[in-house]
Amino acid sequence: MVYNYMYQDHRDIQSETSQLEITAPYLLERFKTDDGASLLNKTITVTGTITAIEEGAVTLNESVYASFPEEIPELRANNKVAIKGRCIGYDELFEIVKLDQCSMIK
């Protein structure tokens, strides 16, 4: 029983339905006001403007860090995008919300 709980099947976030659509600044504000805990481990869609790009990740509106499991399509700073991913937490030091297993929404 413990094995099945600890080693659950890997979630396919890309195929899951998003449980919330939200802008990057508003998502950050929810965590800053302690209203973000209900979003942890949920699949959400975040819209915003790309403010930083690094290998395998982008930052939206300097408030949401989104990491991708594979190569990211051609992206440029200042592009407006929608990204679906799993909300994994809030970094209080850097004041940034983190998403993983992200994919671009067409």
PDB file of N, CA and C in Angstrom:
ATOM      1  N   MET A   1       0.817  -1.191   0.000  1.00  0.00           N
ATOM      2  CA  MET A   1       0.000   0.000   0.000  1.00  0.00           C
ATOM      3  C   MET A   1       0.863   1.259   0.000  1.00  0.00           C
ATOM      4  N   VAL A   2       1.877   1.313   0.830  1.00  0.00           N
ATOM      5  CA  VAL A   2       2.725   2.498   0.909  1.00  0.00           C
ATOM      6  C   VAL A   2       3.433   2.719  -0.424  1.00  0.00           C
ATOM      7  N   TYR A   3       3.876   1.649  -1.044  1.00  0.00           N
ATOM      8  CA  TYR A   3       4.570   1.773  -2.327  1.00  0.00           C
ATOM      9  C   TYR A   3       3.667   2.453  -3.351  1.00  0.00           C
ATOM     10  N   ASN A   4       2.419   2.031  -3.458  1.00  0.00           N
ATOM     11  CA  ASN A   4       1.509   2.623  -4.435  1.00  0.00           C
ATOM     12  C   ASN A   4       1.251   4.089  -4.149  1.00  0.00           C
ATOM     13  N   TYR A   5       1.210   4.472  -2.899  1.00  0.00           N
ATOM     14  CA  TYR A   5       0.984   5.872  -2.549  1.00  0.00           C
ATOM     15  C   TYR A   5       2.211   6.725  -2.874  1.00  0.00           C
ATOM     16  N   MET A   6       3.378   6.239  -2.495  1.00  0.00           N
ATOM     17  CA  MET A   6       4.592   7.026  -2.686  1.00  0.00           C
ATOM     18  C   MET A   6       5.046   7.057  -4.137  1.00  0.00           C
ATOM     19  N   TYR A   7       4.758   6.031  -4.872  1.00  0.00           N
ATOM     20  CA  TYR A   7       5.230   5.931  -6.253  1.00  0.00           C
ATOM     21  C   TYR A   7       4.048   5.865  -7.208  1.00  0.00           C
ATOM     22  N   GLN A   8       3.222   6.886  -7.152  1.00  0.00           N
ATOM     23  CA  GLN A   8       2.054   6.937  -8.027  1.00  0.00           C
ATOM     24  C   GLN A   8       2.506   7.106  -9.470  1.00  0.00           C
ATOM     25  N   ASP A   9       1.615   6.763 -10.393  1.00  0.00           N
ATOM     26  CA  ASP A   9       1.922   6.956 -11.801  1.00  0.00           C
ATOM     27  C   ASP A   9       2.195   8.431 -12.056  1.00  0.00           C
ATOM     28  N   HIS A  10       3.105   8.689 -12.968  1.00  0.00           N
ATOM     29  CA  HIS A  10       3.462  10.042 -13.340  1.00  0.00           C
ATOM     30  C   HIS A  10       2.260  10.728 -13.995  1.00  0.00           C
ATOM     31  N   ARG A  11       1.926  11.924 -13.540  1.00  0.00           N
ATOM     32  CA  ARG A  11       0.805  12.661 -14.112  1.00  0.00           C
ATOM     33  C   ARG A  11       1.195  13.233 -15.457  1.00  0.00           C
ATOM     34  N   ASP A  12       0.263  13.203 -16.386  1.00  0.00           N
ATOM     35  CA  ASP A  12       0.472  13.818 -17.691  1.00  0.00           C
ATOM     36  C   ASP A  12      -0.268  15.151 -17.702  1.00  0.00           C
ATOM     37  N   ILE A  13       0.412  16.193 -17.236  1.00  0.00           N
ATOM     38  CA  ILE A  13      -0.194  17.516 -17.089  1.00  0.00           C
ATOM     39  C   ILE A  13      -0.707  18.034 -18.432  1.00  0.00           C
ATOM     40  N   GLN A  14       0.017  17.733 -19.509  1.00  0.00           N
ATOM     41  CA  GLN A  14      -0.389  18.224 -20.830  1.00  0.00           C
ATOM     42  C   GLN A  14      -1.773  17.727 -21.233  1.00  0.00           C
ATOM     43  N   SER A  15      -2.148  16.530 -20.801  1.00  0.00           N
ATOM     44  CA  SER A  15      -3.448  15.982 -21.186  1.00  0.00           C
ATOM     45  C   SER A  15      -4.551  16.332 -20.182  1.00  0.00           C
ATOM     46  N   GLU A  16      -4.168  16.857 -19.019  1.00  0.00           N
ATOM     47  CA  GLU A  16      -5.169  17.210 -18.018  1.00  0.00           C
ATOM     48  C   GLU A  16      -5.881  18.504 -18.393  1.00  0.00           C
ATOM     49  N   THR A  17      -7.104  18.649 -17.912  1.00  0.00           N
ATOM     50  CA  THR A  17      -7.861  19.875 -18.116  1.00  0.00           C
ATOM     51  C   THR A  17      -7.432  20.889 -17.061  1.00  0.00           C
ATOM     52  N   SER A  18      -7.207  22.097 -17.507  1.00  0.00           N
ATOM     53  CA  SER A  18      -6.823  23.167 -16.594  1.00  0.00           C
ATOM     54  C   SER A  18      -7.968  23.464 -15.634  1.00  0.00           C
ATOM     55  N   GLN A  19      -7.649  23.606 -14.349  1.00  0.00           N
ATOM     56  CA  GLN A  19      -8.671  23.856 -13.333  1.00  0.00           C
ATOM     57  C   GLN A  19      -8.888  25.340 -13.078  1.00  0.00           C
ATOM     58  N   LEU A  20      -8.010  26.179 -13.663  1.00  0.00           N
ATOM     59  CA  LEU A  20      -8.121  27.624 -13.459  1.00  0.00           C
ATOM     60  C   LEU A  20      -7.348  28.327 -14.560  1.00  0.00           C
ATOM     61  N   GLU A  21      -7.895  29.441 -15.063  1.00  0.00           N
ATOM     62  CA  GLU A  21      -7.162  30.318 -15.959  1.00  0.00           C
ATOM     63  C   GLU A  21      -6.972  31.629 -15.227  1.00  0.00           C
ATOM     64  N   ILE A  22      -5.712  32.124 -15.205  1.00  0.00           N
ATOM     65  CA  ILE A  22      -5.389  33.285 -14.383  1.00  0.00           C
ATOM     66  C   ILE A  22      -4.219  34.039 -15.019  1.00  0.00           C
ATOM     67  N   THR A  23      -4.140  35.345 -14.785  1.00  0.00           N
ATOM     68  CA  THR A  23      -2.991  36.108 -15.279  1.00  0.00           C
ATOM     69  C   THR A  23      -1.832  35.943 -14.301  1.00  0.00           C
ATOM     70  N   ALA A  24      -0.621  36.083 -14.816  1.00  0.00           N
ATOM     71  CA  ALA A  24       0.568  35.913 -13.979  1.00  0.00           C
ATOM     72  C   ALA A  24       0.589  36.872 -12.786  1.00  0.00           C
ATOM     73  N   PRO A  25       0.310  38.177 -12.968  1.00  0.00           N
ATOM     74  CA  PRO A  25       0.340  39.073 -11.794  1.00  0.00           C
ATOM     75  C   PRO A  25      -0.712  38.707 -10.744  1.00  0.00           C
ATOM     76  N   TYR A  26      -1.889  38.292 -11.177  1.00  0.00           N
ATOM     77  CA  TYR A  26      -2.938  37.945 -10.218  1.00  0.00           C
ATOM     78  C   TYR A  26      -2.590  36.657  -9.464  1.00  0.00           C
ATOM     79  N   LEU A  27      -1.960  35.699 -10.155  1.00  0.00           N
ATOM     80  CA  LEU A  27      -1.530  34.467  -9.489  1.00  0.00           C
ATOM     81  C   LEU A  27      -0.524  34.801  -8.385  1.00  0.00           C
ATOM     82  N   LEU A  28       0.439  35.662  -8.675  1.00  0.00           N
ATOM     83  CA  LEU A  28       1.414  36.065  -7.667  1.00  0.00           C
ATOM     84  C   LEU A  28       0.711  36.740  -6.492  1.00  0.00           C
ATOM     85  N   GLU A  29      -0.229  37.605  -6.785  1.00  0.00           N
ATOM     86  CA  GLU A  29      -0.951  38.320  -5.730  1.00  0.00           C
ATOM     87  C   GLU A  29      -1.692  37.351  -4.806  1.00  0.00           C
ATOM     88  N   ARG A  30      -2.263  36.286  -5.386  1.00  0.00           N
ATOM     89  CA  ARG A  30      -2.958  35.286  -4.555  1.00  0.00           C
ATOM     90  C   ARG A  30      -2.009  34.653  -3.545  1.00  0.00           C
ATOM     91  N   PHE A  31      -0.790  34.331  -3.970  1.00  0.00           N
ATOM     92  CA  PHE A  31       0.168  33.729  -3.036  1.00  0.00           C
ATOM     93  C   PHE A  31       0.662  34.743  -2.013  1.00  0.00           C
ATOM     94  N   LYS A  32       0.857  35.986  -2.428  1.00  0.00           N
ATOM     95  CA  LYS A  32       1.315  37.022  -1.489  1.00  0.00           C
ATOM     96  C   LYS A  32       0.285  37.279  -0.390  1.00  0.00           C
ATOM     97  N   THR A  33      -0.993  37.094  -0.704  1.00  0.00           N
ATOM     98  CA  THR A  33      -2.053  37.337   0.287  1.00  0.00           C
ATOM     99  C   THR A  33      -2.522  36.034   0.941  1.00  0.00           C
ATOM    100  N   ASP A  34      -1.691  34.992   0.851  1.00  0.00           N
ATOM    101  CA  ASP A  34      -1.984  33.686   1.450  1.00  0.00           C
ATOM    102  C   ASP A  34      -3.275  33.057   0.929  1.00  0.00           C
ATOM    103  N   ASP A  35      -3.575  33.290  -0.353  1.00  0.00           N
ATOM    104  CA  ASP A  35      -4.765  32.710  -0.967  1.00  0.00           C
ATOM    105  C   ASP A  35      -4.375  31.734  -2.081  1.00  0.00           C
ATOM    106  N   GLY A  36      -3.144  31.245  -2.053  1.00  0.00           N
ATOM    107  CA  GLY A  36      -2.678  30.395  -3.134  1.00  0.00           C
ATOM    108  C   GLY A  36      -2.539  28.923  -2.791  1.00  0.00           C
ATOM    109  N   ALA A  37      -2.626  28.575  -1.514  1.00  0.00           N
ATOM    110  CA  ALA A  37      -2.400  27.184  -1.105  1.00  0.00           C
ATOM    111  C   ALA A  37      -3.334  26.206  -1.796  1.00  0.00           C
ATOM    112  N   SER A  38      -4.547  26.631  -2.108  1.00  0.00           N
ATOM    113  CA  SER A  38      -5.509  25.730  -2.757  1.00  0.00           C
ATOM    114  C   SER A  38      -5.107  25.402  -4.197  1.00  0.00           C
ATOM    115  N   LEU A  39      -4.152  26.138  -4.749  1.00  0.00           N
ATOM    116  CA  LEU A  39      -3.719  25.909  -6.126  1.00  0.00           C
ATOM    117  C   LEU A  39      -2.541  24.939  -6.226  1.00  0.00           C
ATOM    118  N   LEU A  40      -1.928  24.613  -5.101  1.00  0.00           N
ATOM    119  CA  LEU A  40      -0.761  23.729  -5.130  1.00  0.00           C
ATOM    120  C   LEU A  40      -1.122  22.362  -5.702  1.00  0.00           C
ATOM    121  N   ASN A  41      -0.282  21.882  -6.592  1.00  0.00           N
ATOM    122  CA  ASN A  41      -0.432  20.590  -7.264  1.00  0.00           C
ATOM    123  C   ASN A  41      -1.629  20.550  -8.221  1.00  0.00           C
ATOM    124  N   LYS A  42      -2.189  21.709  -8.557  1.00  0.00           N
ATOM    125  CA  LYS A  42      -3.309  21.790  -9.499  1.00  0.00           C
ATOM    126  C   LYS A  42      -2.775  22.158 -10.876  1.00  0.00           C
ATOM    127  N   THR A  43      -3.477  21.727 -11.913  1.00  0.00           N
ATOM    128  CA  THR A  43      -3.150  22.099 -13.283  1.00  0.00           C
ATOM    129  C   THR A  43      -3.856  23.414 -13.587  1.00  0.00           C
ATOM    130  N   ILE A  44      -3.061  24.442 -13.918  1.00  0.00           N
ATOM    131  CA  ILE A  44      -3.629  25.757 -14.196  1.00  0.00           C
ATOM    132  C   ILE A  44      -3.055  26.325 -15.494  1.00  0.00           C
ATOM    133  N   THR A  45      -3.774  27.280 -16.073  1.00  0.00           N
ATOM    134  CA  THR A  45      -3.300  28.000 -17.245  1.00  0.00           C
ATOM    135  C   THR A  45      -3.005  29.431 -16.823  1.00  0.00           C
ATOM    136  N   VAL A  46      -1.806  29.894 -17.125  1.00  0.00           N
ATOM    137  CA  VAL A  46      -1.375  31.235 -16.756  1.00  0.00           C
ATOM    138  C   VAL A  46      -1.072  32.018 -18.028  1.00  0.00           C
ATOM    139  N   THR A  47      -1.633  33.219 -18.123  1.00  0.00           N
ATOM    140  CA  THR A  47      -1.347  34.089 -19.254  1.00  0.00           C
ATOM    141  C   THR A  47      -0.476  35.238 -18.792  1.00  0.00           C
ATOM    142  N   GLY A  48       0.390  35.697 -19.689  1.00  0.00           N
ATOM    143  CA  GLY A  48       1.250  36.812 -19.345  1.00  0.00           C
ATOM    144  C   GLY A  48       2.236  37.119 -20.449  1.00  0.00           C
ATOM    145  N   THR A  49       3.120  38.036 -20.157  1.00  0.00           N
ATOM    146  CA  THR A  49       4.151  38.470 -21.093  1.00  0.00           C
ATOM    147  C   THR A  49       5.486  37.896 -20.639  1.00  0.00           C
ATOM    148  N   ILE A  50       6.231  37.321 -21.581  1.00  0.00           N
ATOM    149  CA  ILE A  50       7.536  36.735 -21.258  1.00  0.00           C
ATOM    150  C   ILE A  50       8.508  37.851 -20.903  1.00  0.00           C
ATOM    151  N   THR A  51       9.065  37.781 -19.690  1.00  0.00           N
ATOM    152  CA  THR A  51      10.046  38.775 -19.253  1.00  0.00           C
ATOM    153  C   THR A  51      11.457  38.196 -19.154  1.00  0.00           C
ATOM    154  N   ALA A  52      11.586  36.867 -19.175  1.00  0.00           N
ATOM    155  CA  ALA A  52      12.913  36.240 -19.158  1.00  0.00           C
ATOM    156  C   ALA A  52      12.809  34.854 -19.778  1.00  0.00           C
ATOM    157  N   ILE A  53      13.868  34.469 -20.475  1.00  0.00           N
ATOM    158  CA  ILE A  53      13.934  33.144 -21.100  1.00  0.00           C
ATOM    159  C   ILE A  53      15.262  32.513 -20.709  1.00  0.00           C
ATOM    160  N   GLU A  54      15.208  31.256 -20.286  1.00  0.00           N
ATOM    161  CA  GLU A  54      16.431  30.496 -20.056  1.00  0.00           C
ATOM    162  C   GLU A  54      16.199  29.089 -20.585  1.00  0.00           C
ATOM    163  N   GLU A  55      17.229  28.276 -20.561  1.00  0.00           N
ATOM    164  CA  GLU A  55      17.099  26.939 -21.119  1.00  0.00           C
ATOM    165  C   GLU A  55      16.060  26.135 -20.338  1.00  0.00           C
ATOM    166  N   GLY A  56      14.980  25.754 -21.032  1.00  0.00           N
ATOM    167  CA  GLY A  56      13.951  24.929 -20.423  1.00  0.00           C
ATOM    168  C   GLY A  56      12.940  25.663 -19.562  1.00  0.00           C
ATOM    169  N   ALA A  57      12.966  27.004 -19.562  1.00  0.00           N
ATOM    170  CA  ALA A  57      12.040  27.746 -18.708  1.00  0.00           C
ATOM    171  C   ALA A  57      11.846  29.178 -19.194  1.00  0.00           C
ATOM    172  N   VAL A  58      10.719  29.755 -18.798  1.00  0.00           N
ATOM    173  CA  VAL A  58      10.457  31.170 -19.051  1.00  0.00           C
ATOM    174  C   VAL A  58       9.885  31.793 -17.781  1.00  0.00           C
ATOM    175  N   THR A  59       9.987  33.105 -17.693  1.00  0.00           N
ATOM    176  CA  THR A  59       9.362  33.856 -16.606  1.00  0.00           C
ATOM    177  C   THR A  59       8.320  34.772 -17.216  1.00  0.00           C
ATOM    178  N   LEU A  60       7.127  34.781 -16.629  1.00  0.00           N
ATOM    179  CA  LEU A  60       6.048  35.645 -17.097  1.00  0.00           C
ATOM    180  C   LEU A  60       5.864  36.805 -16.127  1.00  0.00           C
ATOM    181  N   ASN A  61       5.848  38.010 -16.646  1.00  0.00           N
ATOM    182  CA  ASN A  61       5.595  39.220 -15.862  1.00  0.00           C
ATOM    183  C   ASN A  61       6.437  39.292 -14.584  1.00  0.00           C
ATOM    184  N   GLU A  62       7.636  38.727 -14.625  1.00  0.00           N
ATOM    185  CA  GLU A  62       8.536  38.695 -13.470  1.00  0.00           C
ATOM    186  C   GLU A  62       7.858  38.148 -12.218  1.00  0.00           C
ATOM    187  N   SER A  63       6.833  37.295 -12.417  1.00  0.00           N
ATOM    188  CA  SER A  63       6.099  36.779 -11.259  1.00  0.00           C
ATOM    189  C   SER A  63       5.825  35.281 -11.300  1.00  0.00           C
ATOM    190  N   VAL A  64       5.928  34.657 -12.476  1.00  0.00           N
ATOM    191  CA  VAL A  64       5.674  33.216 -12.592  1.00  0.00           C
ATOM    192  C   VAL A  64       6.814  32.573 -13.378  1.00  0.00           C
ATOM    193  N   TYR A  65       7.448  31.558 -12.761  1.00  0.00           N
ATOM    194  CA  TYR A  65       8.536  30.806 -13.396  1.00  0.00           C
ATOM    195  C   TYR A  65       7.959  29.490 -13.885  1.00  0.00           C
ATOM    196  N   ALA A  66       8.031  29.255 -15.192  1.00  0.00           N
ATOM    197  CA  ALA A  66       7.448  28.055 -15.793  1.00  0.00           C
ATOM    198  C   ALA A  66       8.536  27.201 -16.427  1.00  0.00           C
ATOM    199  N   SER A  67       8.699  25.961 -15.924  1.00  0.00           N
ATOM    200  CA  SER A  67       9.696  25.059 -16.500  1.00  0.00           C
ATOM    201  C   SER A  67       9.007  24.034 -17.394  1.00  0.00           C
ATOM    202  N   PHE A  68       9.690  23.683 -18.471  1.00  0.00           N
ATOM    203  CA  PHE A  68       9.160  22.778 -19.492  1.00  0.00           C
ATOM    204  C   PHE A  68       9.935  21.470 -19.482  1.00  0.00           C
ATOM    205  N   PRO A  69       9.240  20.343 -19.709  1.00  0.00           N
ATOM    206  CA  PRO A  69       9.938  19.050 -19.713  1.00  0.00           C
ATOM    207  C   PRO A  69      10.767  18.814 -20.968  1.00  0.00           C
ATOM    208  N   GLU A  70      10.491  19.556 -22.034  1.00  0.00           N
ATOM    209  CA  GLU A  70      11.244  19.377 -23.273  1.00  0.00           C
ATOM    210  C   GLU A  70      11.577  20.744 -23.852  1.00  0.00           C
ATOM    211  N   GLU A  71      12.201  20.720 -24.995  1.00  0.00           N
ATOM    212  CA  GLU A  71      12.610  21.963 -25.659  1.00  0.00           C
ATOM    213  C   GLU A  71      11.414  22.889 -25.869  1.00  0.00           C
ATOM    214  N   ILE A  72      11.618  24.152 -25.582  1.00  0.00           N
ATOM    215  CA  ILE A  72      10.550  25.148 -25.743  1.00  0.00           C
ATOM    216  C   ILE A  72      10.554  25.631 -27.195  1.00  0.00           C
ATOM    217  N   PRO A  73       9.363  25.807 -27.761  1.00  0.00           N
ATOM    218  CA  PRO A  73       9.320  26.360 -29.114  1.00  0.00           C
ATOM    219  C   PRO A  73       9.930  27.765 -29.138  1.00  0.00           C
ATOM    220  N   GLU A  74      10.182  28.265 -30.311  1.00  0.00           N
ATOM    221  CA  GLU A  74      10.792  29.585 -30.470  1.00  0.00           C
ATOM    222  C   GLU A  74       9.985  30.652 -29.726  1.00  0.00           C
ATOM    223  N   LEU A  75      10.600  31.229 -28.715  1.00  0.00           N
ATOM    224  CA  LEU A  75       9.939  32.258 -27.918  1.00  0.00           C
ATOM    225  C   LEU A  75      10.822  33.494 -27.856  1.00  0.00           C
ATOM    226  N   ARG A  76      10.183  34.629 -27.676  1.00  0.00           N
ATOM    227  CA  ARG A  76      10.922  35.883 -27.555  1.00  0.00           C
ATOM    228  C   ARG A  76      10.392  36.661 -26.356  1.00  0.00           C
ATOM    229  N   ALA A  77      11.264  37.443 -25.754  1.00  0.00           N
ATOM    230  CA  ALA A  77      10.843  38.326 -24.665  1.00  0.00           C
ATOM    231  C   ALA A  77       9.765  39.266 -25.195  1.00  0.00           C
ATOM    232  N   ASN A  78       8.846  39.623 -24.344  1.00  0.00           N
ATOM    233  CA  ASN A  78       7.711  40.498 -24.635  1.00  0.00           C
ATOM    234  C   ASN A  78       6.584  39.827 -25.412  1.00  0.00           C
ATOM    235  N   ASN A  79       6.726  38.521 -25.750  1.00  0.00           N
ATOM    236  CA  ASN A  79       5.610  37.792 -26.366  1.00  0.00           C
ATOM    237  C   ASN A  79       4.546  37.553 -25.311  1.00  0.00           C
ATOM    238  N   LYS A  80       3.283  37.680 -25.700  1.00  0.00           N
ATOM    239  CA  LYS A  80       2.179  37.324 -24.810  1.00  0.00           C
ATOM    240  C   LYS A  80       1.869  35.849 -25.054  1.00  0.00           C
ATOM    241  N   VAL A  81       1.800  35.071 -23.974  1.00  0.00           N
ATOM    242  CA  VAL A  81       1.604  33.630 -24.101  1.00  0.00           C
ATOM    243  C   VAL A  81       0.623  33.121 -23.050  1.00  0.00           C
ATOM    244  N   ALA A  82       0.135  31.905 -23.291  1.00  0.00           N
ATOM    245  CA  ALA A  82      -0.658  31.166 -22.301  1.00  0.00           C
ATOM    246  C   ALA A  82       0.072  29.849 -22.074  1.00  0.00           C
ATOM    247  N   ILE A  83       0.310  29.518 -20.826  1.00  0.00           N
ATOM    248  CA  ILE A  83       1.066  28.323 -20.461  1.00  0.00           C
ATOM    249  C   ILE A  83       0.252  27.502 -19.471  1.00  0.00           C
ATOM    250  N   LYS A  84       0.161  26.191 -19.744  1.00  0.00           N
ATOM    251  CA  LYS A  84      -0.508  25.286 -18.810  1.00  0.00           C
ATOM    252  C   LYS A  84       0.558  24.493 -18.082  1.00  0.00           C
ATOM    253  N   GLY A  85       0.396  24.371 -16.754  1.00  0.00           N
ATOM    254  CA  GLY A  85       1.367  23.622 -15.973  1.00  0.00           C
ATOM    255  C   GLY A  85       0.830  23.309 -14.588  1.00  0.00           C
ATOM    256  N   ARG A  86       1.649  22.630 -13.816  1.00  0.00           N
ATOM    257  CA  ARG A  86       1.276  22.266 -12.446  1.00  0.00           C
ATOM    258  C   ARG A  86       1.904  23.284 -11.499  1.00  0.00           C
ATOM    259  N   CYS A  87       1.083  23.857 -10.649  1.00  0.00           N
ATOM    260  CA  CYS A  87       1.557  24.841  -9.674  1.00  0.00           C
ATOM    261  C   CYS A  87       2.266  24.085  -8.544  1.00  0.00           C
ATOM    262  N   ILE A  88       3.577  24.332  -8.377  1.00  0.00           N
ATOM    263  CA  ILE A  88       4.335  23.586  -7.377  1.00  0.00           C
ATOM    264  C   ILE A  88       4.743  24.421  -6.176  1.00  0.00           C
ATOM    265  N   GLY A  89       4.482  25.735  -6.214  1.00  0.00           N
ATOM    266  CA  GLY A  89       4.792  26.496  -5.015  1.00  0.00           C
ATOM    267  C   GLY A  89       5.113  27.946  -5.263  1.00  0.00           C
ATOM    268  N   TYR A  90       5.423  28.610  -4.167  1.00  0.00           N
ATOM    269  CA  TYR A  90       5.729  30.035  -4.158  1.00  0.00           C
ATOM    270  C   TYR A  90       7.053  30.238  -3.442  1.00  0.00           C
ATOM    271  N   ASP A  91       7.972  30.915  -4.102  1.00  0.00           N
ATOM    272  CA  ASP A  91       9.270  31.216  -3.517  1.00  0.00           C
ATOM    273  C   ASP A  91       9.188  32.612  -2.897  1.00  0.00           C
ATOM    274  N   GLU A  92       9.098  32.663  -1.566  1.00  0.00           N
ATOM    275  CA  GLU A  92       8.929  33.940  -0.880  1.00  0.00           C
ATOM    276  C   GLU A  92      10.154  34.840  -1.024  1.00  0.00           C
ATOM    277  N   LEU A  93      11.338  34.260  -1.085  1.00  0.00           N
ATOM    278  CA  LEU A  93      12.557  35.051  -1.205  1.00  0.00           C
ATOM    279  C   LEU A  93      12.575  35.834  -2.518  1.00  0.00           C
ATOM    280  N   PHE A  94      12.270  35.145  -3.619  1.00  0.00           N
ATOM    281  CA  PHE A  94      12.288  35.786  -4.939  1.00  0.00           C
ATOM    282  C   PHE A  94      10.918  36.312  -5.354  1.00  0.00           C
ATOM    283  N   GLU A  95       9.900  36.066  -4.539  1.00  0.00           N
ATOM    284  CA  GLU A  95       8.519  36.462  -4.824  1.00  0.00           C
ATOM    285  C   GLU A  95       8.108  36.030  -6.230  1.00  0.00           C
ATOM    286  N   ILE A  96       8.163  34.705  -6.425  1.00  0.00           N
ATOM    287  CA  ILE A  96       7.811  34.142  -7.720  1.00  0.00           C
ATOM    288  C   ILE A  96       7.070  32.818  -7.517  1.00  0.00           C
ATOM    289  N   VAL A  97       6.023  32.608  -8.317  1.00  0.00           N
ATOM    290  CA  VAL A  97       5.265  31.357  -8.282  1.00  0.00           C
ATOM    291  C   VAL A  97       5.912  30.414  -9.279  1.00  0.00           C
ATOM    292  N   LYS A  98       5.996  29.143  -8.934  1.00  0.00           N
ATOM    293  CA  LYS A  98       6.664  28.169  -9.810  1.00  0.00           C
ATOM    294  C   LYS A  98       5.676  27.151 -10.364  1.00  0.00           C
ATOM    295  N   LEU A  99       5.824  26.890 -11.663  1.00  0.00           N
ATOM    296  CA  LEU A  99       5.061  25.856 -12.358  1.00  0.00           C
ATOM    297  C   LEU A  99       6.042  24.872 -12.965  1.00  0.00           C
ATOM    298  N   ASP A 100       5.659  23.600 -13.040  1.00  0.00           N
ATOM    299  CA  ASP A 100       6.491  22.633 -13.753  1.00  0.00           C
ATOM    300  C   ASP A 100       5.621  21.854 -14.737  1.00  0.00           C
ATOM    301  N   GLN A 101       6.276  21.015 -15.537  1.00  0.00           N
ATOM    302  CA  GLN A 101       5.612  20.192 -16.557  1.00  0.00           C
ATOM    303  C   GLN A 101       4.747  21.054 -17.477  1.00  0.00           C
ATOM    304  N   CYS A 102       5.258  22.224 -17.831  1.00  0.00           N
ATOM    305  CA  CYS A 102       4.483  23.194 -18.606  1.00  0.00           C
ATOM    306  C   CYS A 102       4.437  22.879 -20.091  1.00  0.00           C
ATOM    307  N   SER A 103       3.396  23.391 -20.720  1.00  0.00           N
ATOM    308  CA  SER A 103       3.251  23.318 -22.177  1.00  0.00           C
ATOM    309  C   SER A 103       2.616  24.619 -22.647  1.00  0.00           C
ATOM    310  N   MET A 104       2.922  24.991 -23.882  1.00  0.00           N
ATOM    311  CA  MET A 104       2.332  26.193 -24.462  1.00  0.00           C
ATOM    312  C   MET A 104       0.917  25.880 -24.919  1.00  0.00           C
ATOM    313  N   ILE A 105       0.008  26.828 -24.698  1.00  0.00           N
ATOM    314  CA  ILE A 105      -1.361  26.693 -25.187  1.00  0.00           C
ATOM    315  C   ILE A 105      -1.420  27.426 -26.518  1.00  0.00           C
ATOM    316  N   LYS A 106      -1.890  26.747 -27.516  1.00  0.00           N
ATOM    317  CA  LYS A 106      -1.955  27.354 -28.866  1.00  0.00           C
ATOM    318  C   LYS A 106      -3.114  28.325 -28.954  1.00  0.00           C
TER     319      LYS A 106
END
